[in-house]
Amino acid sequence: MVAIGFCEDRAPLHRMLGREPGSWGFHSDDGRLYEDGGLSWSGIKYHEPYEEKNVTIGCGVNFAKNTAFYTKDGEVIGQVFNGIRGKLYPAVSMDFSQKGWEVFAVFPGEDGKSEDFVFKGDFEGEQTLTPPELSGEWRSSDEDSESNS
C-alpha cells in the first residue's frame, strides 16, 4: 500500500498517512482518504484504488482555502480535506508490498509552476475546489458491502 499526502512535523513517521493526528493521506489499496487521525480505520470514500503501475498521483494544497486536491495522471479527482492547518510537509507512506516501486516528487518553482508537473490545470479552478462524485462499479460494490454489514 502507498499513501500520498502531507503531514505536520509532529506526525508519527511509523504509521500510514492520515491514521494519526497531523497527517492526511490518499491510500492506494482502497482509494479512501484518511484525515488527521479521525476515522482512522475506515477512511472516507474518495476514488477507486490506484495500485496499477505507471500511475501518477498528484497532491495540491490550497492554502488560501485551507483545502487540498488530488490528481490522477494529470486529471483532477476533486477537492479533499477542509481546515488544513499548520506548517505542512509533502509525504509518502509505503509498506513492504511495494518492493520495486519508485516514487518521484516534483515541486513548483517560484511562479508556482513546473514543466515536470503532469497536472497543467488551474490550482484554484472549480475542479480543485469541488469534491468528486462517486460513480460506477467502485461506488456500487462499496455500498453493497456496507448494506451487508
N, C-alpha and C. Protein backbone atom coordinates (compact mmCIF):
# COMPACT_ATOMS: atom_id res chain seq x y z
N MET A 1 0.85 -1.17 0.00
CA MET A 1 0.00 0.00 0.00
C MET A 1 0.89 1.24 0.00
N VAL A 2 0.42 2.27 -0.69
CA VAL A 2 1.07 3.57 -0.72
C VAL A 2 0.03 4.60 -0.28
N ALA A 3 0.47 5.59 0.47
CA ALA A 3 -0.39 6.72 0.81
C ALA A 3 0.35 7.99 0.41
N ILE A 4 -0.33 8.87 -0.29
CA ILE A 4 0.26 10.12 -0.75
C ILE A 4 -0.49 11.26 -0.08
N GLY A 5 0.25 12.22 0.43
CA GLY A 5 -0.39 13.35 1.09
C GLY A 5 0.61 14.30 1.69
N PHE A 6 0.33 14.69 2.93
CA PHE A 6 1.17 15.67 3.61
C PHE A 6 1.00 15.50 5.11
N CYS A 7 1.93 16.12 5.86
CA CYS A 7 1.87 15.99 7.31
C CYS A 7 2.51 17.19 7.98
N GLU A 8 2.22 17.34 9.27
CA GLU A 8 2.89 18.32 10.11
C GLU A 8 4.15 17.68 10.67
N ASP A 9 5.04 18.50 11.22
CA ASP A 9 6.29 17.94 11.75
C ASP A 9 6.07 17.04 12.96
N ARG A 10 4.94 17.15 13.63
CA ARG A 10 4.66 16.31 14.81
C ARG A 10 4.08 14.94 14.45
N ALA A 11 3.77 14.70 13.19
CA ALA A 11 3.14 13.44 12.78
C ALA A 11 4.11 12.27 12.95
N PRO A 12 3.64 11.16 13.52
CA PRO A 12 4.50 9.98 13.63
C PRO A 12 4.84 9.43 12.24
N LEU A 13 6.06 8.99 12.07
CA LEU A 13 6.50 8.51 10.76
C LEU A 13 6.38 6.99 10.62
N HIS A 14 5.92 6.30 11.65
CA HIS A 14 5.83 4.84 11.60
C HIS A 14 4.43 4.34 11.21
N ARG A 15 3.51 5.23 10.89
CA ARG A 15 2.14 4.85 10.51
C ARG A 15 1.81 5.43 9.14
N MET A 16 0.83 4.85 8.47
CA MET A 16 0.41 5.36 7.16
C MET A 16 -0.20 6.75 7.32
N LEU A 17 0.01 7.59 6.32
CA LEU A 17 -0.52 8.96 6.35
C LEU A 17 -2.02 8.97 6.62
N GLY A 18 -2.43 9.86 7.49
CA GLY A 18 -3.84 10.05 7.82
C GLY A 18 -4.32 9.24 9.00
N ARG A 19 -3.58 8.23 9.39
CA ARG A 19 -4.02 7.38 10.50
C ARG A 19 -3.70 7.99 11.87
N GLU A 20 -2.89 9.02 11.89
CA GLU A 20 -2.53 9.69 13.14
C GLU A 20 -2.77 11.19 13.00
N PRO A 21 -3.01 11.89 14.11
CA PRO A 21 -3.17 13.35 14.04
C PRO A 21 -1.96 14.01 13.38
N GLY A 22 -2.24 15.05 12.61
CA GLY A 22 -1.18 15.79 11.94
C GLY A 22 -0.78 15.23 10.60
N SER A 23 -1.58 14.30 10.04
CA SER A 23 -1.27 13.77 8.71
C SER A 23 -2.55 13.52 7.93
N TRP A 24 -2.44 13.62 6.60
CA TRP A 24 -3.56 13.45 5.69
C TRP A 24 -3.07 12.61 4.52
N GLY A 25 -3.84 11.59 4.09
CA GLY A 25 -3.37 10.74 3.02
C GLY A 25 -4.47 10.12 2.18
N PHE A 26 -4.13 9.81 0.94
CA PHE A 26 -4.97 9.12 -0.05
C PHE A 26 -4.32 7.76 -0.25
N HIS A 27 -5.01 6.67 0.14
CA HIS A 27 -4.43 5.34 0.15
C HIS A 27 -4.69 4.58 -1.15
N SER A 28 -3.65 3.90 -1.62
CA SER A 28 -3.72 3.20 -2.91
C SER A 28 -4.57 1.94 -2.87
N ASP A 29 -4.59 1.24 -1.74
CA ASP A 29 -5.25 -0.07 -1.69
C ASP A 29 -6.77 0.01 -1.71
N ASP A 30 -7.34 1.09 -1.16
CA ASP A 30 -8.80 1.19 -1.08
C ASP A 30 -9.35 2.49 -1.66
N GLY A 31 -8.48 3.40 -2.11
CA GLY A 31 -8.94 4.66 -2.70
C GLY A 31 -9.61 5.59 -1.70
N ARG A 32 -9.37 5.36 -0.43
CA ARG A 32 -10.01 6.17 0.61
C ARG A 32 -9.06 7.23 1.15
N LEU A 33 -9.67 8.25 1.74
CA LEU A 33 -8.94 9.33 2.39
C LEU A 33 -8.86 9.04 3.88
N TYR A 34 -7.73 9.37 4.45
CA TYR A 34 -7.55 9.25 5.89
C TYR A 34 -7.07 10.61 6.37
N GLU A 35 -7.79 11.15 7.37
CA GLU A 35 -7.64 12.57 7.70
C GLU A 35 -7.33 12.79 9.18
N ASP A 36 -6.14 13.26 9.46
CA ASP A 36 -5.79 13.80 10.77
C ASP A 36 -6.11 12.84 11.92
N GLY A 37 -6.03 11.53 11.66
CA GLY A 37 -6.27 10.54 12.70
C GLY A 37 -7.73 10.21 12.95
N GLY A 38 -8.67 10.94 12.34
CA GLY A 38 -10.10 10.65 12.53
C GLY A 38 -10.54 9.50 11.65
N LEU A 39 -11.50 8.72 12.09
CA LEU A 39 -11.97 7.54 11.34
C LEU A 39 -10.79 6.71 10.84
N SER A 40 -9.81 6.53 11.70
CA SER A 40 -8.52 6.02 11.27
C SER A 40 -8.53 4.64 10.62
N TRP A 41 -9.55 3.84 10.84
CA TRP A 41 -9.52 2.51 10.24
C TRP A 41 -10.49 2.35 9.08
N SER A 42 -11.43 3.26 8.90
CA SER A 42 -12.38 3.09 7.80
C SER A 42 -12.16 4.08 6.67
N GLY A 43 -11.66 5.25 6.94
CA GLY A 43 -11.43 6.24 5.90
C GLY A 43 -12.72 6.77 5.30
N ILE A 44 -12.57 7.61 4.30
CA ILE A 44 -13.69 8.27 3.62
C ILE A 44 -13.63 7.90 2.15
N LYS A 45 -14.75 7.43 1.57
CA LYS A 45 -14.77 7.09 0.14
C LYS A 45 -14.35 8.31 -0.67
N TYR A 46 -13.43 8.11 -1.62
CA TYR A 46 -12.96 9.21 -2.45
C TYR A 46 -12.84 8.83 -3.91
N HIS A 47 -12.14 7.74 -4.21
CA HIS A 47 -11.84 7.36 -5.60
C HIS A 47 -11.54 5.86 -5.62
N GLU A 48 -11.43 5.32 -6.82
CA GLU A 48 -11.06 3.92 -6.94
C GLU A 48 -9.60 3.73 -6.50
N PRO A 49 -9.20 2.53 -6.11
CA PRO A 49 -7.82 2.26 -5.75
C PRO A 49 -6.88 2.55 -6.93
N TYR A 50 -5.62 2.82 -6.63
CA TYR A 50 -4.64 3.13 -7.68
C TYR A 50 -3.39 2.28 -7.53
N GLU A 51 -3.56 0.99 -7.55
CA GLU A 51 -2.42 0.09 -7.36
C GLU A 51 -1.72 -0.32 -8.65
N GLU A 52 -2.22 0.10 -9.80
CA GLU A 52 -1.59 -0.29 -11.05
C GLU A 52 -0.27 0.47 -11.26
N LYS A 53 0.58 -0.09 -12.12
CA LYS A 53 1.88 0.52 -12.40
C LYS A 53 1.72 1.75 -13.28
N ASN A 54 2.74 2.59 -13.26
CA ASN A 54 2.84 3.77 -14.12
C ASN A 54 1.67 4.75 -13.96
N VAL A 55 1.21 4.92 -12.74
CA VAL A 55 0.17 5.90 -12.43
C VAL A 55 0.83 7.07 -11.73
N THR A 56 0.42 8.27 -12.09
CA THR A 56 0.93 9.47 -11.44
C THR A 56 -0.17 10.06 -10.58
N ILE A 57 0.06 10.09 -9.28
CA ILE A 57 -0.87 10.70 -8.33
C ILE A 57 -0.24 12.01 -7.87
N GLY A 58 -1.00 13.08 -7.98
CA GLY A 58 -0.54 14.38 -7.52
C GLY A 58 -1.37 14.87 -6.36
N CYS A 59 -0.79 15.73 -5.56
CA CYS A 59 -1.49 16.31 -4.42
C CYS A 59 -1.18 17.80 -4.39
N GLY A 60 -2.23 18.62 -4.37
CA GLY A 60 -2.06 20.07 -4.28
C GLY A 60 -2.76 20.60 -3.05
N VAL A 61 -2.18 21.62 -2.43
CA VAL A 61 -2.78 22.25 -1.25
C VAL A 61 -3.11 23.69 -1.59
N ASN A 62 -4.34 24.09 -1.31
CA ASN A 62 -4.77 25.48 -1.49
C ASN A 62 -4.75 26.13 -0.12
N PHE A 63 -3.69 26.87 0.17
CA PHE A 63 -3.52 27.47 1.49
C PHE A 63 -4.50 28.61 1.73
N ALA A 64 -4.99 29.24 0.67
CA ALA A 64 -5.98 30.32 0.83
C ALA A 64 -7.32 29.77 1.30
N LYS A 65 -7.70 28.58 0.83
CA LYS A 65 -8.99 27.97 1.18
C LYS A 65 -8.85 26.88 2.25
N ASN A 66 -7.61 26.56 2.63
CA ASN A 66 -7.34 25.51 3.61
C ASN A 66 -7.90 24.15 3.19
N THR A 67 -7.76 23.84 1.91
CA THR A 67 -8.20 22.56 1.36
C THR A 67 -7.07 21.96 0.53
N ALA A 68 -7.30 20.77 0.04
CA ALA A 68 -6.34 20.11 -0.85
C ALA A 68 -7.11 19.44 -1.97
N PHE A 69 -6.39 18.94 -2.96
CA PHE A 69 -6.99 18.15 -4.04
C PHE A 69 -5.96 17.15 -4.53
N TYR A 70 -6.45 16.09 -5.16
CA TYR A 70 -5.59 15.08 -5.76
C TYR A 70 -5.85 15.02 -7.25
N THR A 71 -4.82 14.56 -7.97
CA THR A 71 -4.95 14.30 -9.41
C THR A 71 -4.48 12.87 -9.68
N LYS A 72 -5.00 12.30 -10.75
CA LYS A 72 -4.53 11.00 -11.23
C LYS A 72 -4.19 11.18 -12.70
N ASP A 73 -2.94 10.94 -13.04
CA ASP A 73 -2.45 11.12 -14.41
C ASP A 73 -2.81 12.49 -14.96
N GLY A 74 -2.71 13.51 -14.12
CA GLY A 74 -2.93 14.89 -14.53
C GLY A 74 -4.36 15.38 -14.49
N GLU A 75 -5.32 14.48 -14.25
CA GLU A 75 -6.74 14.85 -14.20
C GLU A 75 -7.17 15.03 -12.75
N VAL A 76 -7.84 16.12 -12.45
CA VAL A 76 -8.29 16.38 -11.09
C VAL A 76 -9.33 15.35 -10.66
N ILE A 77 -9.12 14.75 -9.50
CA ILE A 77 -10.12 13.86 -8.91
C ILE A 77 -11.14 14.70 -8.16
N GLY A 78 -10.65 15.64 -7.37
CA GLY A 78 -11.56 16.52 -6.65
C GLY A 78 -10.97 17.02 -5.34
N GLN A 79 -11.66 17.98 -4.76
CA GLN A 79 -11.24 18.62 -3.52
C GLN A 79 -11.36 17.64 -2.35
N VAL A 80 -10.44 17.76 -1.41
CA VAL A 80 -10.44 16.94 -0.20
C VAL A 80 -10.06 17.79 1.00
N PHE A 81 -10.36 17.30 2.17
CA PHE A 81 -9.91 17.87 3.43
C PHE A 81 -10.25 19.36 3.57
N ASN A 82 -10.90 19.71 4.64
CA ASN A 82 -11.20 21.09 4.99
C ASN A 82 -10.46 21.45 6.27
N GLY A 83 -10.11 22.70 6.42
CA GLY A 83 -9.48 23.14 7.66
C GLY A 83 -8.05 22.68 7.83
N ILE A 84 -7.33 22.49 6.72
CA ILE A 84 -5.93 22.12 6.81
C ILE A 84 -5.19 23.25 7.51
N ARG A 85 -4.28 22.90 8.38
CA ARG A 85 -3.61 23.91 9.18
C ARG A 85 -2.13 23.57 9.36
N GLY A 86 -1.40 24.54 9.87
CA GLY A 86 -0.02 24.30 10.27
C GLY A 86 0.97 24.31 9.13
N LYS A 87 2.22 24.14 9.51
CA LYS A 87 3.30 24.01 8.55
C LYS A 87 3.28 22.57 8.04
N LEU A 88 3.10 22.41 6.75
CA LEU A 88 2.91 21.08 6.17
C LEU A 88 4.11 20.65 5.33
N TYR A 89 4.32 19.35 5.29
CA TYR A 89 5.39 18.76 4.51
C TYR A 89 4.79 17.71 3.57
N PRO A 90 5.23 17.67 2.31
CA PRO A 90 4.77 16.60 1.43
C PRO A 90 5.27 15.27 1.98
N ALA A 91 4.45 14.23 1.83
CA ALA A 91 4.83 12.94 2.41
C ALA A 91 4.28 11.78 1.61
N VAL A 92 4.99 10.66 1.69
CA VAL A 92 4.57 9.39 1.08
C VAL A 92 4.82 8.30 2.10
N SER A 93 3.83 7.44 2.33
CA SER A 93 3.99 6.26 3.19
C SER A 93 3.92 5.03 2.29
N MET A 94 4.75 4.04 2.60
CA MET A 94 4.72 2.78 1.83
C MET A 94 4.88 1.62 2.79
N ASP A 95 4.33 0.46 2.42
CA ASP A 95 4.61 -0.74 3.18
C ASP A 95 5.50 -1.65 2.34
N PHE A 96 5.84 -2.79 2.89
CA PHE A 96 6.81 -3.67 2.23
C PHE A 96 6.29 -4.30 0.95
N SER A 97 4.99 -4.29 0.71
CA SER A 97 4.45 -4.90 -0.51
C SER A 97 4.77 -4.09 -1.77
N GLN A 98 5.32 -2.90 -1.61
CA GLN A 98 5.64 -2.04 -2.75
C GLN A 98 7.08 -2.23 -3.23
N LYS A 99 7.65 -3.39 -3.00
CA LYS A 99 9.01 -3.67 -3.45
C LYS A 99 9.11 -3.40 -4.95
N GLY A 100 10.11 -2.63 -5.35
CA GLY A 100 10.32 -2.32 -6.75
C GLY A 100 9.63 -1.05 -7.23
N TRP A 101 8.78 -0.46 -6.39
CA TRP A 101 8.12 0.79 -6.77
C TRP A 101 9.12 1.94 -6.69
N GLU A 102 8.89 2.96 -7.50
CA GLU A 102 9.68 4.18 -7.44
C GLU A 102 8.76 5.35 -7.16
N VAL A 103 9.24 6.28 -6.35
CA VAL A 103 8.48 7.48 -6.01
C VAL A 103 9.31 8.68 -6.43
N PHE A 104 8.68 9.60 -7.15
CA PHE A 104 9.33 10.83 -7.56
C PHE A 104 8.51 12.00 -7.04
N ALA A 105 9.18 13.04 -6.62
CA ALA A 105 8.49 14.25 -6.18
C ALA A 105 8.91 15.41 -7.07
N VAL A 106 7.92 16.20 -7.50
CA VAL A 106 8.18 17.38 -8.33
C VAL A 106 7.59 18.57 -7.60
N PHE A 107 8.39 19.60 -7.42
CA PHE A 107 7.94 20.80 -6.72
C PHE A 107 7.97 21.99 -7.67
N PRO A 108 7.05 22.92 -7.48
CA PRO A 108 6.99 24.08 -8.38
C PRO A 108 8.11 25.07 -8.11
N GLY A 109 8.37 25.89 -9.13
CA GLY A 109 9.32 26.97 -8.98
C GLY A 109 8.66 28.16 -8.29
N GLU A 110 9.33 29.29 -8.30
CA GLU A 110 8.79 30.48 -7.64
C GLU A 110 7.48 30.94 -8.25
N ASP A 111 7.25 30.62 -9.53
CA ASP A 111 6.00 31.04 -10.18
C ASP A 111 4.84 30.07 -9.91
N GLY A 112 5.10 29.03 -9.09
CA GLY A 112 4.05 28.07 -8.76
C GLY A 112 3.84 27.01 -9.83
N LYS A 113 4.70 26.96 -10.82
CA LYS A 113 4.55 26.00 -11.92
C LYS A 113 5.82 25.18 -12.09
N SER A 114 5.71 24.10 -12.83
CA SER A 114 6.85 23.26 -13.15
C SER A 114 6.57 22.56 -14.47
N GLU A 115 7.57 22.53 -15.35
CA GLU A 115 7.41 21.81 -16.62
C GLU A 115 7.19 20.32 -16.39
N ASP A 116 7.67 19.81 -15.26
CA ASP A 116 7.57 18.38 -14.97
C ASP A 116 6.23 17.98 -14.37
N PHE A 117 5.38 18.93 -13.98
CA PHE A 117 4.06 18.58 -13.44
C PHE A 117 3.23 17.91 -14.52
N VAL A 118 2.57 16.81 -14.19
CA VAL A 118 1.63 16.17 -15.11
C VAL A 118 0.35 17.00 -15.15
N PHE A 119 -0.05 17.55 -14.00
CA PHE A 119 -1.24 18.41 -13.91
C PHE A 119 -0.91 19.78 -14.46
N LYS A 120 -1.63 20.22 -15.46
CA LYS A 120 -1.38 21.52 -16.09
C LYS A 120 -2.51 22.51 -15.84
N GLY A 121 -3.48 22.14 -15.00
CA GLY A 121 -4.66 22.97 -14.78
C GLY A 121 -4.45 24.12 -13.82
N ASP A 122 -5.55 24.76 -13.48
CA ASP A 122 -5.57 25.90 -12.58
C ASP A 122 -5.71 25.39 -11.14
N PHE A 123 -4.77 25.74 -10.29
CA PHE A 123 -4.79 25.28 -8.91
C PHE A 123 -5.99 25.82 -8.13
N GLU A 124 -6.59 26.89 -8.60
CA GLU A 124 -7.77 27.44 -7.94
C GLU A 124 -9.01 27.29 -8.82
N GLY A 125 -8.96 26.39 -9.79
CA GLY A 125 -10.10 26.14 -10.66
C GLY A 125 -11.22 25.43 -9.92
N GLU A 126 -12.40 25.45 -10.51
CA GLU A 126 -13.58 24.85 -9.87
C GLU A 126 -13.37 23.37 -9.54
N GLN A 127 -12.68 22.64 -10.42
CA GLN A 127 -12.46 21.21 -10.18
C GLN A 127 -11.67 20.95 -8.90
N THR A 128 -10.70 21.81 -8.61
CA THR A 128 -9.88 21.60 -7.42
C THR A 128 -10.61 22.00 -6.14
N LEU A 129 -11.73 22.69 -6.28
CA LEU A 129 -12.49 23.16 -5.12
C LEU A 129 -13.80 22.40 -4.93
N THR A 130 -14.04 21.37 -5.76
CA THR A 130 -15.28 20.60 -5.71
C THR A 130 -14.98 19.14 -5.41
N PRO A 131 -15.62 18.55 -4.38
CA PRO A 131 -15.41 17.13 -4.12
C PRO A 131 -15.88 16.29 -5.30
N PRO A 132 -15.28 15.11 -5.51
CA PRO A 132 -15.68 14.27 -6.64
C PRO A 132 -17.04 13.62 -6.39
N GLU A 133 -17.71 13.29 -7.49
CA GLU A 133 -18.94 12.49 -7.40
C GLU A 133 -18.53 11.04 -7.61
N LEU A 134 -18.91 10.19 -6.68
CA LEU A 134 -18.58 8.78 -6.79
C LEU A 134 -19.57 8.10 -7.72
N SER A 135 -19.06 7.29 -8.62
CA SER A 135 -19.95 6.60 -9.56
C SER A 135 -19.30 5.30 -10.00
N GLY A 136 -20.05 4.54 -10.76
CA GLY A 136 -19.52 3.33 -11.38
C GLY A 136 -19.43 2.15 -10.43
N GLU A 137 -18.71 1.15 -10.88
CA GLU A 137 -18.59 -0.12 -10.16
C GLU A 137 -18.02 0.06 -8.76
N TRP A 138 -17.05 0.96 -8.61
CA TRP A 138 -16.41 1.13 -7.31
C TRP A 138 -17.41 1.58 -6.26
N ARG A 139 -18.27 2.54 -6.60
CA ARG A 139 -19.26 3.02 -5.64
C ARG A 139 -20.28 1.93 -5.33
N SER A 140 -20.77 1.23 -6.35
CA SER A 140 -21.79 0.20 -6.16
C SER A 140 -21.28 -0.92 -5.25
N SER A 141 -20.08 -1.41 -5.49
CA SER A 141 -19.57 -2.51 -4.68
C SER A 141 -19.36 -2.07 -3.24
N ASP A 142 -18.97 -0.82 -3.03
CA ASP A 142 -18.77 -0.32 -1.68
C ASP A 142 -20.09 -0.20 -0.94
N GLU A 143 -21.13 0.28 -1.62
CA GLU A 143 -22.44 0.41 -0.98
C GLU A 143 -23.02 -0.96 -0.66
N ASP A 144 -22.80 -1.95 -1.54
CA ASP A 144 -23.29 -3.30 -1.28
C ASP A 144 -22.66 -3.87 -0.02
N SER A 145 -21.34 -3.67 0.14
CA SER A 145 -20.66 -4.22 1.30
C SER A 145 -21.12 -3.53 2.58
N GLU A 146 -21.45 -2.22 2.51
CA GLU A 146 -21.93 -1.52 3.68
C GLU A 146 -23.31 -2.00 4.08
N SER A 147 -24.17 -2.31 3.12
CA SER A 147 -25.53 -2.74 3.44
C SER A 147 -25.56 -4.18 3.97
N ASN A 148 -24.53 -4.97 3.68
CA ASN A 148 -24.49 -6.34 4.16
C ASN A 148 -23.89 -6.46 5.55
N SER A 149 -23.33 -5.38 6.09
CA SER A 149 -22.69 -5.48 7.40
C SER A 149 -23.60 -5.10 8.52
